[in-house]
Amino acid sequence: MSIILNTLMGPLIGPMKGLLWVAEQIKDQADAELYDDSKILVALSELELSFDLEQIELKEFEAQEDVLLQRLQAIRKAKQNDTD
């Protein structure tokens, strides 16, 4: 009975399973990019270089640094929660 049911329902259920798999892959990729702290570390390095080259003022440097450090802290906290 199960074989007949799978054969009859296959054309309906198959595309839904495929769509769920694609959605899961998209979610996994978005999470990987969202929680990638290397991009923030690069941005911090570039920001420090801009400040060292006197391309930005101290006030602007501190403001941007605070934002980046908060994002980095949030990412690391989220990663820690995922492993717990």
C-alpha atoms as a PDB file:
ATOM      1  CA  MET A   1       0.000   0.000   0.000  1.00  0.00           C
ATOM      2  CA  SER A   2       2.838   2.364   0.813  1.00  0.00           C
ATOM      3  CA  ILE A   3       4.380   1.929  -2.645  1.00  0.00           C
ATOM      4  CA  ILE A   4       1.104   2.827  -4.345  1.00  0.00           C
ATOM      5  CA  LEU A   5       0.615   5.846  -2.098  1.00  0.00           C
ATOM      6  CA  ASN A   6       4.181   7.062  -2.731  1.00  0.00           C
ATOM      7  CA  THR A   7       3.713   6.597  -6.471  1.00  0.00           C
ATOM      8  CA  LEU A   8       0.476   8.557  -6.520  1.00  0.00           C
ATOM      9  CA  MET A   9       1.613  11.306  -4.158  1.00  0.00           C
ATOM     10  CA  GLY A  10       5.178  11.588  -5.519  1.00  0.00           C
ATOM     11  CA  PRO A  11       4.425  14.264  -8.119  1.00  0.00           C
ATOM     12  CA  LEU A  12       2.827  16.407  -5.402  1.00  0.00           C
ATOM     13  CA  ILE A  13       5.250  15.836  -2.544  1.00  0.00           C
ATOM     14  CA  GLY A  14       8.480  15.746  -4.567  1.00  0.00           C
ATOM     15  CA  PRO A  15       8.502  19.437  -5.558  1.00  0.00           C
ATOM     16  CA  MET A  16       7.639  20.458  -1.993  1.00  0.00           C
ATOM     17  CA  LYS A  17      10.574  18.468  -0.620  1.00  0.00           C
ATOM     18  CA  GLY A  18      12.827  20.064  -3.219  1.00  0.00           C
ATOM     19  CA  LEU A  19      11.593  23.527  -2.328  1.00  0.00           C
ATOM     20  CA  LEU A  20      12.178  22.886   1.377  1.00  0.00           C
ATOM     21  CA  TRP A  21      15.711  21.693   0.615  1.00  0.00           C
ATOM     22  CA  VAL A  22      16.447  24.864  -1.407  1.00  0.00           C
ATOM     23  CA  ALA A  23      15.034  27.052   1.374  1.00  0.00           C
ATOM     24  CA  GLU A  24      17.223  25.271   3.928  1.00  0.00           C
ATOM     25  CA  GLN A  25      20.315  25.777   1.752  1.00  0.00           C
ATOM     26  CA  ILE A  26      19.531  29.494   1.412  1.00  0.00           C
ATOM     27  CA  LYS A  27      19.060  29.810   5.168  1.00  0.00           C
ATOM     28  CA  ASP A  28      22.357  28.036   5.852  1.00  0.00           C
ATOM     29  CA  GLN A  29      24.210  30.312   3.420  1.00  0.00           C
ATOM     30  CA  ALA A  30      22.608  33.447   4.892  1.00  0.00           C
ATOM     31  CA  ASP A  31      23.537  32.340   8.421  1.00  0.00           C
ATOM     32  CA  ALA A  32      27.117  31.662   7.340  1.00  0.00           C
ATOM     33  CA  GLU A  33      27.420  35.161   5.880  1.00  0.00           C
ATOM     34  CA  LEU A  34      25.601  36.811   8.755  1.00  0.00           C
ATOM     35  CA  TYR A  35      27.823  35.199  11.369  1.00  0.00           C
ATOM     36  CA  ASP A  36      31.107  35.662   9.461  1.00  0.00           C
ATOM     37  CA  ASP A  37      33.248  37.754  11.774  1.00  0.00           C
ATOM     38  CA  SER A  38      36.184  37.881   9.361  1.00  0.00           C
ATOM     39  CA  LYS A  39      34.484  40.625   7.340  1.00  0.00           C
ATOM     40  CA  ILE A  40      34.139  42.759  10.452  1.00  0.00           C
ATOM     41  CA  LEU A  41      37.763  42.154  11.392  1.00  0.00           C
ATOM     42  CA  VAL A  42      38.817  43.302   7.920  1.00  0.00           C
ATOM     43  CA  ALA A  43      36.596  46.386   8.258  1.00  0.00           C
ATOM     44  CA  LEU A  44      38.203  47.164  11.613  1.00  0.00           C
ATOM     45  CA  SER A  45      41.669  46.897  10.067  1.00  0.00           C
ATOM     46  CA  GLU A  46      40.680  49.165   7.179  1.00  0.00           C
ATOM     47  CA  LEU A  47      39.161  51.643   9.599  1.00  0.00           C
ATOM     48  CA  GLU A  48      42.342  51.719  11.679  1.00  0.00           C
ATOM     49  CA  LEU A  49      44.414  52.216   8.542  1.00  0.00           C
ATOM     50  CA  SER A  50      42.193  55.113   7.465  1.00  0.00           C
ATOM     51  CA  PHE A  51      42.682  56.707  10.858  1.00  0.00           C
ATOM     52  CA  ASP A  52      46.443  56.140  10.799  1.00  0.00           C
ATOM     53  CA  LEU A  53      46.629  57.757   7.358  1.00  0.00           C
ATOM     54  CA  GLU A  54      44.594  60.670   8.745  1.00  0.00           C
ATOM     55  CA  GLN A  55      41.789  60.109   6.263  1.00  0.00           C
ATOM     56  CA  ILE A  56      39.190  60.249   9.035  1.00  0.00           C
ATOM     57  CA  GLU A  57      38.903  62.172  12.288  1.00  0.00           C
ATOM     58  CA  LEU A  58      39.152  60.585  15.735  1.00  0.00           C
ATOM     59  CA  LYS A  59      35.451  61.135  16.440  1.00  0.00           C
ATOM     60  CA  GLU A  60      34.399  59.371  13.228  1.00  0.00           C
ATOM     61  CA  PHE A  61      36.894  56.566  13.885  1.00  0.00           C
ATOM     62  CA  GLU A  62      35.536  55.968  17.378  1.00  0.00           C
ATOM     63  CA  ALA A  63      31.924  56.004  16.187  1.00  0.00           C
ATOM     64  CA  GLN A  64      32.567  53.494  13.390  1.00  0.00           C
ATOM     65  CA  GLU A  65      34.749  51.367  15.638  1.00  0.00           C
ATOM     66  CA  ASP A  66      31.983  51.179  18.254  1.00  0.00           C
ATOM     67  CA  VAL A  67      29.485  49.991  15.635  1.00  0.00           C
ATOM     68  CA  LEU A  68      31.852  47.348  14.287  1.00  0.00           C
ATOM     69  CA  LEU A  69      32.811  46.120  17.756  1.00  0.00           C
ATOM     70  CA  GLN A  70      29.144  45.829  18.744  1.00  0.00           C
ATOM     71  CA  ARG A  71      28.454  43.776  15.608  1.00  0.00           C
ATOM     72  CA  LEU A  72      31.482  41.583  16.333  1.00  0.00           C
ATOM     73  CA  GLN A  73      30.340  41.047  19.909  1.00  0.00           C
ATOM     74  CA  ALA A  74      26.805  40.166  18.751  1.00  0.00           C
ATOM     75  CA  ILE A  75      28.156  37.642  16.238  1.00  0.00           C
ATOM     76  CA  ARG A  76      30.413  35.992  18.784  1.00  0.00           C
ATOM     77  CA  LYS A  77      27.584  35.860  21.318  1.00  0.00           C
ATOM     78  CA  ALA A  78      25.272  34.286  18.727  1.00  0.00           C
ATOM     79  CA  LYS A  79      27.923  31.720  17.816  1.00  0.00           C
ATOM     80  CA  GLN A  80      28.415  30.889  21.483  1.00  0.00           C
ATOM     81  CA  ASN A  81      24.656  30.420  21.948  1.00  0.00           C
ATOM     82  CA  ASP A  82      24.534  28.100  18.940  1.00  0.00           C
ATOM     83  CA  THR A  83      27.215  25.857  20.404  1.00  0.00           C
ATOM     84  CA  ASP A  84      25.596  25.728  23.865  1.00  0.00           C
END
